[in-house]
Amino acid sequence: MVAAAAAGGAAASPTRSLLSIGQVLSKLSGEFPGLSSSKLRFLEVQGIVSPQRTSSGYRKFSPADVERLRLALTLQRDHYLPLGVIRDHLDDVEAGRESSLTQTPESIHPQERSFSRAELLAEAGAPARILDEAQALGLVRADGGYGSAHVALLRALVALEQYGIDPRHVRSLKQGAERDVALIETALAPLLRRSDAPARAQASEVGPRLAERLDEVRGIFVRQALGQILPD
């Protein structure tokens, strides 16, 4: 059974290689900006992935789980395939059978790539001035190459500019994110002060979960405020 095989493969992996749901989101959100913890849970229910569970009930994803998620999300985003077809295709590939897809799209095995400045602007469809302003404001670091997260950020900045929201307005969001990280760091201080592996592992597990909770609280406040200004 595919689910059992996936779980068995994950169990055989070193514990340190397993990722929490928050860490998976951090790893994939650059490629799939709309990805959320609820979407990951939905994909699990649909049989796309079968993460391990800790004794406390937390999900733990293996590298193979993450790659399966990446392939499934790519097929869904780029080729509009239903999840049932995607699941059958992935199961066939894992079992060494001929794929249930009559033609396998070439882009289902995407590789994380690094972009030059020109490539970044072309991929994001952004004018150079937006990137320059974002870098001047510290929203984008100019050191080294650019990755998929930078592409997603620039695309969002381009979309926001259509409504008069410039990078300078977004700077407060980055500052808020930095305050969130400082708050999380304070909460994790007892664990971070310890040098033993279990404490570090627990910090890696709890940190992303705290970030998720803060995102949820922020979303609630934004929706409540919108409800006061938007017409019924």
C-alpha atoms as a PDB file:
ATOM      1  CA  MET A   1       0.000   0.000   0.000  1.00  0.00           C
ATOM      2  CA  VAL A   2       1.468   3.363  -1.054  1.00  0.00           C
ATOM      3  CA  ALA A   3       0.617   5.237   2.135  1.00  0.00           C
ATOM      4  CA  ALA A   4       2.181   2.498   4.234  1.00  0.00           C
ATOM      5  CA  ALA A   5       5.266   2.472   2.038  1.00  0.00           C
ATOM      6  CA  ALA A   6       5.640   6.227   2.343  1.00  0.00           C
ATOM      7  CA  ALA A   7       5.273   6.027   6.112  1.00  0.00           C
ATOM      8  CA  GLY A   8       7.760   3.181   6.270  1.00  0.00           C
ATOM      9  CA  GLY A   9      10.285   5.115   4.197  1.00  0.00           C
ATOM     10  CA  ALA A  10       9.895   8.132   6.429  1.00  0.00           C
ATOM     11  CA  ALA A  11      10.345   5.986   9.527  1.00  0.00           C
ATOM     12  CA  ALA A  12      13.635   4.714   8.161  1.00  0.00           C
ATOM     13  CA  SER A  13      14.982   8.269   7.753  1.00  0.00           C
ATOM     14  CA  PRO A  14      17.054   9.835  10.531  1.00  0.00           C
ATOM     15  CA  THR A  15      14.831  11.761  12.919  1.00  0.00           C
ATOM     16  CA  ARG A  16      16.808  14.926  12.381  1.00  0.00           C
ATOM     17  CA  SER A  17      15.887  14.924   8.699  1.00  0.00           C
ATOM     18  CA  LEU A  18      12.143  15.100   9.448  1.00  0.00           C
ATOM     19  CA  LEU A  19      10.408  18.463   9.173  1.00  0.00           C
ATOM     20  CA  SER A  20       7.465  19.969  11.016  1.00  0.00           C
ATOM     21  CA  ILE A  21       4.526  21.388   9.091  1.00  0.00           C
ATOM     22  CA  GLY A  22       5.883  24.894   9.682  1.00  0.00           C
ATOM     23  CA  GLN A  23       9.285  23.943   8.301  1.00  0.00           C
ATOM     24  CA  VAL A  24       7.648  22.422   5.217  1.00  0.00           C
ATOM     25  CA  LEU A  25       5.744  25.666   4.665  1.00  0.00           C
ATOM     26  CA  SER A  26       8.996  27.630   4.944  1.00  0.00           C
ATOM     27  CA  LYS A  27      10.613  25.311   2.416  1.00  0.00           C
ATOM     28  CA  LEU A  28       7.815  25.429  -0.169  1.00  0.00           C
ATOM     29  CA  SER A  29       6.120  28.809   0.280  1.00  0.00           C
ATOM     30  CA  GLY A  30       8.584  30.546  -2.030  1.00  0.00           C
ATOM     31  CA  GLU A  31       7.445  28.327  -4.911  1.00  0.00           C
ATOM     32  CA  PHE A  32       3.809  28.190  -3.780  1.00  0.00           C
ATOM     33  CA  PRO A  33       2.913  31.476  -1.998  1.00  0.00           C
ATOM     34  CA  GLY A  34      -0.687  30.403  -1.366  1.00  0.00           C
ATOM     35  CA  LEU A  35       0.340  27.282   0.553  1.00  0.00           C
ATOM     36  CA  SER A  36      -0.951  27.083   4.131  1.00  0.00           C
ATOM     37  CA  SER A  37      -1.050  24.573   6.958  1.00  0.00           C
ATOM     38  CA  SER A  38      -4.716  23.877   6.215  1.00  0.00           C
ATOM     39  CA  LYS A  39      -3.842  23.151   2.554  1.00  0.00           C
ATOM     40  CA  LEU A  40      -1.156  20.697   3.670  1.00  0.00           C
ATOM     41  CA  ARG A  41      -3.653  18.937   5.925  1.00  0.00           C
ATOM     42  CA  PHE A  42      -6.135  18.787   3.036  1.00  0.00           C
ATOM     43  CA  LEU A  43      -3.483  17.224   0.778  1.00  0.00           C
ATOM     44  CA  GLU A  44      -2.845  14.642   3.486  1.00  0.00           C
ATOM     45  CA  VAL A  45      -6.562  13.779   3.623  1.00  0.00           C
ATOM     46  CA  GLN A  46      -6.545  13.418  -0.181  1.00  0.00           C
ATOM     47  CA  GLY A  47      -3.718  10.884   0.016  1.00  0.00           C
ATOM     48  CA  ILE A  48      -1.099  13.082  -1.617  1.00  0.00           C
ATOM     49  CA  VAL A  49       1.245  12.658   1.338  1.00  0.00           C
ATOM     50  CA  SER A  50       1.322  10.546   4.494  1.00  0.00           C
ATOM     51  CA  PRO A  51       3.557  12.173   7.120  1.00  0.00           C
ATOM     52  CA  GLN A  52       4.610  10.439  10.303  1.00  0.00           C
ATOM     53  CA  ARG A  53       3.046  11.447  13.609  1.00  0.00           C
ATOM     54  CA  THR A  54       4.911  11.973  16.861  1.00  0.00           C
ATOM     55  CA  SER A  55       3.559  10.641  20.143  1.00  0.00           C
ATOM     56  CA  SER A  56       2.073  14.112  20.680  1.00  0.00           C
ATOM     57  CA  GLY A  57       0.296  14.004  17.324  1.00  0.00           C
ATOM     58  CA  TYR A  58       2.559  16.427  15.458  1.00  0.00           C
ATOM     59  CA  ARG A  59       3.113  15.771  11.762  1.00  0.00           C
ATOM     60  CA  LYS A  60       6.655  14.990  10.622  1.00  0.00           C
ATOM     61  CA  PHE A  61       7.548  15.124   6.931  1.00  0.00           C
ATOM     62  CA  SER A  62      10.460  13.276   5.346  1.00  0.00           C
ATOM     63  CA  PRO A  63      12.465  14.657   2.382  1.00  0.00           C
ATOM     64  CA  ALA A  64      10.497  12.238   0.178  1.00  0.00           C
ATOM     65  CA  ASP A  65       7.232  13.693   1.531  1.00  0.00           C
ATOM     66  CA  VAL A  66       8.412  17.219   0.693  1.00  0.00           C
ATOM     67  CA  GLU A  67       9.370  16.226  -2.856  1.00  0.00           C
ATOM     68  CA  ARG A  68       6.010  14.489  -3.333  1.00  0.00           C
ATOM     69  CA  LEU A  69       4.256  17.648  -2.170  1.00  0.00           C
ATOM     70  CA  ARG A  70       6.342  19.781  -4.524  1.00  0.00           C
ATOM     71  CA  LEU A  71       5.482  17.595  -7.503  1.00  0.00           C
ATOM     72  CA  ALA A  72       1.783  17.489  -6.609  1.00  0.00           C
ATOM     73  CA  LEU A  73       1.537  21.249  -6.151  1.00  0.00           C
ATOM     74  CA  THR A  74       3.378  21.843  -9.433  1.00  0.00           C
ATOM     75  CA  LEU A  75       1.020  19.569 -11.340  1.00  0.00           C
ATOM     76  CA  GLN A  76      -1.978  21.261  -9.767  1.00  0.00           C
ATOM     77  CA  ARG A  77      -0.697  24.796 -10.388  1.00  0.00           C
ATOM     78  CA  ASP A  78       0.809  24.429 -13.869  1.00  0.00           C
ATOM     79  CA  HIS A  79      -1.384  21.741 -15.425  1.00  0.00           C
ATOM     80  CA  TYR A  80      -4.704  22.092 -13.549  1.00  0.00           C
ATOM     81  CA  LEU A  81      -4.884  18.362 -12.866  1.00  0.00           C
ATOM     82  CA  PRO A  82      -7.359  17.052 -10.274  1.00  0.00           C
ATOM     83  CA  LEU A  83      -5.873  15.699  -7.072  1.00  0.00           C
ATOM     84  CA  GLY A  84      -7.117  12.176  -7.790  1.00  0.00           C
ATOM     85  CA  VAL A  85      -5.157  12.067 -11.048  1.00  0.00           C
ATOM     86  CA  ILE A  86      -2.098  13.559  -9.361  1.00  0.00           C
ATOM     87  CA  ARG A  87      -2.264  11.016  -6.525  1.00  0.00           C
ATOM     88  CA  ASP A  88      -2.532   8.099  -8.971  1.00  0.00           C
ATOM     89  CA  HIS A  89       0.385   9.428 -11.003  1.00  0.00           C
ATOM     90  CA  LEU A  90       2.614   9.793  -7.935  1.00  0.00           C
ATOM     91  CA  ASP A  91       1.637   6.338  -6.687  1.00  0.00           C
ATOM     92  CA  ASP A  92       2.434   4.824 -10.085  1.00  0.00           C
ATOM     93  CA  VAL A  93       5.839   6.501 -10.177  1.00  0.00           C
ATOM     94  CA  GLU A  94       6.699   5.350  -6.645  1.00  0.00           C
ATOM     95  CA  ALA A  95       5.619   1.783  -7.445  1.00  0.00           C
ATOM     96  CA  GLY A  96       7.645   1.700 -10.667  1.00  0.00           C
ATOM     97  CA  ARG A  97       4.537   1.370 -12.815  1.00  0.00           C
ATOM     98  CA  GLU A  98       3.756   3.196 -16.019  1.00  0.00           C
ATOM     99  CA  SER A  99       2.193   6.523 -15.128  1.00  0.00           C
ATOM    100  CA  SER A 100      -1.572   6.843 -15.316  1.00  0.00           C
ATOM    101  CA  LEU A 101      -0.983  10.123 -17.172  1.00  0.00           C
ATOM    102  CA  THR A 102      -0.880   9.663 -20.929  1.00  0.00           C
ATOM    103  CA  GLN A 103       1.797  12.355 -21.107  1.00  0.00           C
ATOM    104  CA  THR A 104       4.022  13.325 -18.218  1.00  0.00           C
ATOM    105  CA  PRO A 105       4.512  17.095 -18.126  1.00  0.00           C
ATOM    106  CA  GLU A 106       8.191  17.980 -18.294  1.00  0.00           C
ATOM    107  CA  SER A 107       7.933  20.453 -15.435  1.00  0.00           C
ATOM    108  CA  ILE A 108       6.858  18.059 -12.677  1.00  0.00           C
ATOM    109  CA  HIS A 109      10.428  17.753 -11.432  1.00  0.00           C
ATOM    110  CA  PRO A 110      11.250  21.409 -10.826  1.00  0.00           C
ATOM    111  CA  GLN A 111      14.658  22.310  -9.456  1.00  0.00           C
ATOM    112  CA  GLU A 112      15.259  25.240  -7.148  1.00  0.00           C
ATOM    113  CA  ARG A 113      17.154  27.755  -9.221  1.00  0.00           C
ATOM    114  CA  SER A 114      19.063  30.915  -8.655  1.00  0.00           C
ATOM    115  CA  PHE A 115      18.129  34.012 -10.658  1.00  0.00           C
ATOM    116  CA  SER A 116      20.304  36.846 -11.855  1.00  0.00           C
ATOM    117  CA  ARG A 117      18.920  40.362 -11.524  1.00  0.00           C
ATOM    118  CA  ALA A 118      17.703  40.381 -15.125  1.00  0.00           C
ATOM    119  CA  GLU A 119      16.180  36.911 -14.788  1.00  0.00           C
ATOM    120  CA  LEU A 120      14.443  37.896 -11.551  1.00  0.00           C
ATOM    121  CA  LEU A 121      12.840  40.954 -13.164  1.00  0.00           C
ATOM    122  CA  ALA A 122      11.732  38.943 -16.190  1.00  0.00           C
ATOM    123  CA  GLU A 123      10.330  36.060 -14.106  1.00  0.00           C
ATOM    124  CA  ALA A 124       8.429  38.384 -11.759  1.00  0.00           C
ATOM    125  CA  GLY A 125       7.277  40.750 -14.499  1.00  0.00           C
ATOM    126  CA  ALA A 126       8.565  43.624 -12.408  1.00  0.00           C
ATOM    127  CA  PRO A 127      10.126  46.945 -13.456  1.00  0.00           C
ATOM    128  CA  ALA A 128      13.648  47.580 -12.200  1.00  0.00           C
ATOM    129  CA  ARG A 129      12.500  50.532 -10.082  1.00  0.00           C
ATOM    130  CA  ILE A 130      10.408  48.256  -7.832  1.00  0.00           C
ATOM    131  CA  LEU A 131      13.374  45.967  -7.201  1.00  0.00           C
ATOM    132  CA  ASP A 132      15.645  48.975  -6.594  1.00  0.00           C
ATOM    133  CA  GLU A 133      13.189  50.441  -4.101  1.00  0.00           C
ATOM    134  CA  ALA A 134      12.677  47.085  -2.381  1.00  0.00           C
ATOM    135  CA  GLN A 135      16.433  46.688  -2.005  1.00  0.00           C
ATOM    136  CA  ALA A 136      16.876  50.251  -0.754  1.00  0.00           C
ATOM    137  CA  LEU A 137      14.209  49.592   1.894  1.00  0.00           C
ATOM    138  CA  GLY A 138      15.797  46.292   2.933  1.00  0.00           C
ATOM    139  CA  LEU A 139      12.906  44.178   1.655  1.00  0.00           C
ATOM    140  CA  VAL A 140      15.234  42.336  -0.728  1.00  0.00           C
ATOM    141  CA  ARG A 141      18.888  41.722  -0.008  1.00  0.00           C
ATOM    142  CA  ALA A 142      21.210  42.499  -2.872  1.00  0.00           C
ATOM    143  CA  ASP A 143      23.934  40.035  -1.850  1.00  0.00           C
ATOM    144  CA  GLY A 144      24.358  36.983  -4.071  1.00  0.00           C
ATOM    145  CA  GLY A 145      21.704  35.577  -6.366  1.00  0.00           C
ATOM    146  CA  TYR A 146      17.959  35.597  -6.030  1.00  0.00           C
ATOM    147  CA  GLY A 147      15.637  32.647  -5.386  1.00  0.00           C
ATOM    148  CA  SER A 148      12.011  31.708  -5.862  1.00  0.00           C
ATOM    149  CA  ALA A 149      11.008  33.586  -2.699  1.00  0.00           C
ATOM    150  CA  HIS A 150      12.288  36.812  -4.272  1.00  0.00           C
ATOM    151  CA  VAL A 151      10.233  36.094  -7.393  1.00  0.00           C
ATOM    152  CA  ALA A 152       7.093  35.620  -5.285  1.00  0.00           C
ATOM    153  CA  LEU A 153       7.800  38.802  -3.310  1.00  0.00           C
ATOM    154  CA  LEU A 154       8.331  40.920  -6.423  1.00  0.00           C
ATOM    155  CA  ARG A 155       5.176  39.572  -8.030  1.00  0.00           C
ATOM    156  CA  ALA A 156       3.246  40.542  -4.906  1.00  0.00           C
ATOM    157  CA  LEU A 157       4.781  44.035  -4.925  1.00  0.00           C
ATOM    158  CA  VAL A 158       3.797  44.486  -8.581  1.00  0.00           C
ATOM    159  CA  ALA A 159       0.219  43.430  -7.807  1.00  0.00           C
ATOM    160  CA  LEU A 160       0.024  45.726  -4.773  1.00  0.00           C
ATOM    161  CA  GLU A 161       1.322  48.710  -6.732  1.00  0.00           C
ATOM    162  CA  GLN A 162      -1.760  48.548  -8.951  1.00  0.00           C
ATOM    163  CA  TYR A 163      -3.735  49.641  -5.883  1.00  0.00           C
ATOM    164  CA  GLY A 164      -1.321  52.358  -4.829  1.00  0.00           C
ATOM    165  CA  ILE A 165       0.527  50.237  -2.263  1.00  0.00           C
ATOM    166  CA  ASP A 166       4.251  50.828  -2.778  1.00  0.00           C
ATOM    167  CA  PRO A 167       7.249  48.936  -1.325  1.00  0.00           C
ATOM    168  CA  ARG A 168       7.660  51.692   1.268  1.00  0.00           C
ATOM    169  CA  HIS A 169       4.198  50.808   2.593  1.00  0.00           C
ATOM    170  CA  VAL A 170       5.159  47.146   2.804  1.00  0.00           C
ATOM    171  CA  ARG A 171       8.228  47.929   4.882  1.00  0.00           C
ATOM    172  CA  SER A 172       6.086  47.985   8.017  1.00  0.00           C
ATOM    173  CA  LEU A 173       5.099  44.371   7.298  1.00  0.00           C
ATOM    174  CA  LYS A 174       8.751  43.326   7.292  1.00  0.00           C
ATOM    175  CA  GLN A 175       9.298  45.232  10.509  1.00  0.00           C
ATOM    176  CA  GLY A 176       6.296  43.466  11.984  1.00  0.00           C
ATOM    177  CA  ALA A 177       7.739  40.112  10.910  1.00  0.00           C
ATOM    178  CA  GLU A 178      11.009  40.987  12.617  1.00  0.00           C
ATOM    179  CA  ARG A 179       9.097  41.827  15.804  1.00  0.00           C
ATOM    180  CA  ASP A 180       7.338  38.465  15.550  1.00  0.00           C
ATOM    181  CA  VAL A 181      10.698  36.723  15.293  1.00  0.00           C
ATOM    182  CA  ALA A 182      11.959  38.631  18.332  1.00  0.00           C
ATOM    183  CA  LEU A 183       8.839  37.579  20.254  1.00  0.00           C
ATOM    184  CA  ILE A 184       9.307  33.946  19.234  1.00  0.00           C
ATOM    185  CA  GLU A 185      12.997  34.108  20.149  1.00  0.00           C
ATOM    186  CA  THR A 186      12.054  35.349  23.624  1.00  0.00           C
ATOM    187  CA  ALA A 187       9.547  32.517  24.023  1.00  0.00           C
ATOM    188  CA  LEU A 188      12.162  29.973  22.937  1.00  0.00           C
ATOM    189  CA  ALA A 189      14.983  31.459  25.006  1.00  0.00           C
ATOM    190  CA  PRO A 190      15.002  28.658  27.619  1.00  0.00           C
ATOM    191  CA  LEU A 191      15.446  26.103  24.835  1.00  0.00           C
ATOM    192  CA  LEU A 192      17.910  28.148  22.792  1.00  0.00           C
ATOM    193  CA  ARG A 193      20.168  28.616  25.811  1.00  0.00           C
ATOM    194  CA  ARG A 194      20.622  24.861  26.033  1.00  0.00           C
ATOM    195  CA  SER A 195      23.145  23.086  23.830  1.00  0.00           C
ATOM    196  CA  ASP A 196      21.691  19.577  23.945  1.00  0.00           C
ATOM    197  CA  ALA A 197      20.187  18.108  20.771  1.00  0.00           C
ATOM    198  CA  PRO A 198      16.670  17.475  22.195  1.00  0.00           C
ATOM    199  CA  ALA A 199      16.330  21.138  23.188  1.00  0.00           C
ATOM    200  CA  ARG A 200      17.460  22.346  19.774  1.00  0.00           C
ATOM    201  CA  ALA A 201      15.092  19.925  18.077  1.00  0.00           C
ATOM    202  CA  GLN A 202      12.201  21.113  20.230  1.00  0.00           C
ATOM    203  CA  ALA A 203      12.998  24.738  19.378  1.00  0.00           C
ATOM    204  CA  SER A 204      12.962  23.865  15.663  1.00  0.00           C
ATOM    205  CA  GLU A 205       9.563  22.228  16.137  1.00  0.00           C
ATOM    206  CA  VAL A 206       7.936  24.925  18.273  1.00  0.00           C
ATOM    207  CA  GLY A 207       9.281  28.007  16.453  1.00  0.00           C
ATOM    208  CA  PRO A 208       7.381  27.504  13.164  1.00  0.00           C
ATOM    209  CA  ARG A 209       4.242  26.548  15.080  1.00  0.00           C
ATOM    210  CA  LEU A 210       4.402  29.818  17.029  1.00  0.00           C
ATOM    211  CA  ALA A 211       4.808  31.676  13.727  1.00  0.00           C
ATOM    212  CA  GLU A 212       1.662  29.944  12.423  1.00  0.00           C
ATOM    213  CA  ARG A 213      -0.312  30.996  15.490  1.00  0.00           C
ATOM    214  CA  LEU A 214       0.843  34.604  15.139  1.00  0.00           C
ATOM    215  CA  ASP A 215      -0.187  34.561  11.470  1.00  0.00           C
ATOM    216  CA  GLU A 216      -3.630  33.281  12.469  1.00  0.00           C
ATOM    217  CA  VAL A 217      -4.064  36.012  15.091  1.00  0.00           C
ATOM    218  CA  ARG A 218      -2.951  38.692  12.623  1.00  0.00           C
ATOM    219  CA  GLY A 219      -5.380  37.368  10.018  1.00  0.00           C
ATOM    220  CA  ILE A 220      -8.249  37.509  12.506  1.00  0.00           C
ATOM    221  CA  PHE A 221      -7.469  41.127  13.381  1.00  0.00           C
ATOM    222  CA  VAL A 222      -7.245  42.122   9.701  1.00  0.00           C
ATOM    223  CA  ARG A 223     -10.569  40.453   8.854  1.00  0.00           C
ATOM    224  CA  GLN A 224     -12.247  42.077  11.834  1.00  0.00           C
ATOM    225  CA  ALA A 225     -10.951  45.503  10.797  1.00  0.00           C
ATOM    226  CA  LEU A 226     -12.033  44.948   7.189  1.00  0.00           C
ATOM    227  CA  GLY A 227     -15.503  44.080   8.367  1.00  0.00           C
ATOM    228  CA  GLN A 228     -15.803  47.557   9.839  1.00  0.00           C
ATOM    229  CA  ILE A 229     -14.935  49.383   6.614  1.00  0.00           C
ATOM    230  CA  LEU A 230     -16.360  47.173   3.874  1.00  0.00           C
ATOM    231  CA  PRO A 231     -20.040  47.425   2.893  1.00  0.00           C
ATOM    232  CA  ASP A 232     -22.321  44.536   3.831  1.00  0.00           C
END
